[in-house]
Amino acid sequence: MESKGLRGFPLNYQERRINHWHEELDRRIGKSDVAERLQVPERLADWVTDESPAPVPAEPAET
């Protein structure tokens, strides 16, 4: 579809997971070993950060 008002469709959570898995498969196989026409374009890179999640405090041991 082409329109000045339509800029694309957002991916829902399940679609992002599927797309991520296909991107990861390409990385694991090796980009050079996957035919260019079969490679999945990396669309989610802008949404990934290198920050580690905050550590979860340990629960006190039961006595």
C-alpha atoms as a PDB file:
ATOM      1  CA  MET A   1       0.000   0.000   0.000  1.00  0.00           C
ATOM      2  CA  GLU A   2       1.259   3.433  -0.821  1.00  0.00           C
ATOM      3  CA  SER A   3      -0.215   6.530   0.748  1.00  0.00           C
ATOM      4  CA  LYS A   4       1.045   9.811   2.122  1.00  0.00           C
ATOM      5  CA  GLY A   5      -0.923   9.116   5.294  1.00  0.00           C
ATOM      6  CA  LEU A   6       0.153   5.497   5.834  1.00  0.00           C
ATOM      7  CA  ARG A   7       3.670   5.161   7.218  1.00  0.00           C
ATOM      8  CA  GLY A   8       3.551   1.443   7.936  1.00  0.00           C
ATOM      9  CA  PHE A   9       2.055  -0.959  10.401  1.00  0.00           C
ATOM     10  CA  PRO A  10       3.409  -1.496  13.911  1.00  0.00           C
ATOM     11  CA  LEU A  11       4.386  -5.058  14.734  1.00  0.00           C
ATOM     12  CA  ASN A  12       2.598  -6.634  17.653  1.00  0.00           C
ATOM     13  CA  TYR A  13       4.439  -8.602  20.324  1.00  0.00           C
ATOM     14  CA  GLN A  14       4.125 -12.017  18.643  1.00  0.00           C
ATOM     15  CA  GLU A  15       5.289 -10.649  15.288  1.00  0.00           C
ATOM     16  CA  ARG A  16       8.317  -9.035  16.956  1.00  0.00           C
ATOM     17  CA  ARG A  17       9.225 -12.356  18.601  1.00  0.00           C
ATOM     18  CA  ILE A  18       8.956 -14.220  15.287  1.00  0.00           C
ATOM     19  CA  ASN A  19      11.000 -11.550  13.504  1.00  0.00           C
ATOM     20  CA  HIS A  20      13.617 -11.604  16.291  1.00  0.00           C
ATOM     21  CA  TRP A  21      13.929 -15.391  16.033  1.00  0.00           C
ATOM     22  CA  HIS A  22      14.441 -15.230  12.262  1.00  0.00           C
ATOM     23  CA  GLU A  23      17.075 -12.486  12.689  1.00  0.00           C
ATOM     24  CA  GLU A  24      18.803 -14.599  15.350  1.00  0.00           C
ATOM     25  CA  LEU A  25      18.809 -17.649  13.065  1.00  0.00           C
ATOM     26  CA  ASP A  26      20.525 -15.596  10.367  1.00  0.00           C
ATOM     27  CA  ARG A  27      23.161 -14.497  12.911  1.00  0.00           C
ATOM     28  CA  ARG A  28      23.713 -18.051  14.200  1.00  0.00           C
ATOM     29  CA  ILE A  29      24.001 -19.515  10.710  1.00  0.00           C
ATOM     30  CA  GLY A  30      26.162 -16.625   9.585  1.00  0.00           C
ATOM     31  CA  LYS A  31      25.097 -13.817   7.276  1.00  0.00           C
ATOM     32  CA  SER A  32      27.611 -14.966   4.659  1.00  0.00           C
ATOM     33  CA  ASP A  33      26.042 -18.461   4.614  1.00  0.00           C
ATOM     34  CA  VAL A  34      22.462 -17.244   4.041  1.00  0.00           C
ATOM     35  CA  ALA A  35      21.500 -16.191   0.523  1.00  0.00           C
ATOM     36  CA  GLU A  36      20.872 -12.443   0.415  1.00  0.00           C
ATOM     37  CA  ARG A  37      17.329 -12.919  -0.877  1.00  0.00           C
ATOM     38  CA  LEU A  38      16.556 -15.112   2.157  1.00  0.00           C
ATOM     39  CA  GLN A  39      18.076 -12.881   4.842  1.00  0.00           C
ATOM     40  CA  VAL A  40      15.701 -11.215   7.259  1.00  0.00           C
ATOM     41  CA  PRO A  41      16.334  -7.458   7.496  1.00  0.00           C
ATOM     42  CA  GLU A  42      17.185  -6.305  11.011  1.00  0.00           C
ATOM     43  CA  ARG A  43      14.229  -4.138  11.968  1.00  0.00           C
ATOM     44  CA  LEU A  44      14.378  -4.430  15.733  1.00  0.00           C
ATOM     45  CA  ALA A  45      17.912  -3.143  16.344  1.00  0.00           C
ATOM     46  CA  ASP A  46      16.638   0.339  17.217  1.00  0.00           C
ATOM     47  CA  TRP A  47      14.572  -1.165  20.028  1.00  0.00           C
ATOM     48  CA  VAL A  48      17.372  -3.148  21.694  1.00  0.00           C
ATOM     49  CA  THR A  49      19.588  -1.650  24.358  1.00  0.00           C
ATOM     50  CA  ASP A  50      22.795  -2.969  25.872  1.00  0.00           C
ATOM     51  CA  GLU A  51      21.734  -2.070  29.382  1.00  0.00           C
ATOM     52  CA  SER A  52      21.397  -4.935  31.816  1.00  0.00           C
ATOM     53  CA  PRO A  53      18.154  -5.165  33.741  1.00  0.00           C
ATOM     54  CA  ALA A  54      18.199  -3.950  37.331  1.00  0.00           C
ATOM     55  CA  PRO A  55      19.251  -6.716  39.723  1.00  0.00           C
ATOM     56  CA  VAL A  56      16.424  -8.342  41.615  1.00  0.00           C
ATOM     57  CA  PRO A  57      17.027  -8.232  45.385  1.00  0.00           C
ATOM     58  CA  ALA A  58      17.292 -11.659  46.993  1.00  0.00           C
ATOM     59  CA  GLU A  59      14.397 -12.683  49.178  1.00  0.00           C
ATOM     60  CA  PRO A  60      15.238 -13.299  52.824  1.00  0.00           C
ATOM     61  CA  ALA A  61      15.694 -16.951  53.691  1.00  0.00           C
ATOM     62  CA  GLU A  62      12.893 -18.568  55.620  1.00  0.00           C
ATOM     63  CA  THR A  63      13.727 -19.532  59.175  1.00  0.00           C
END
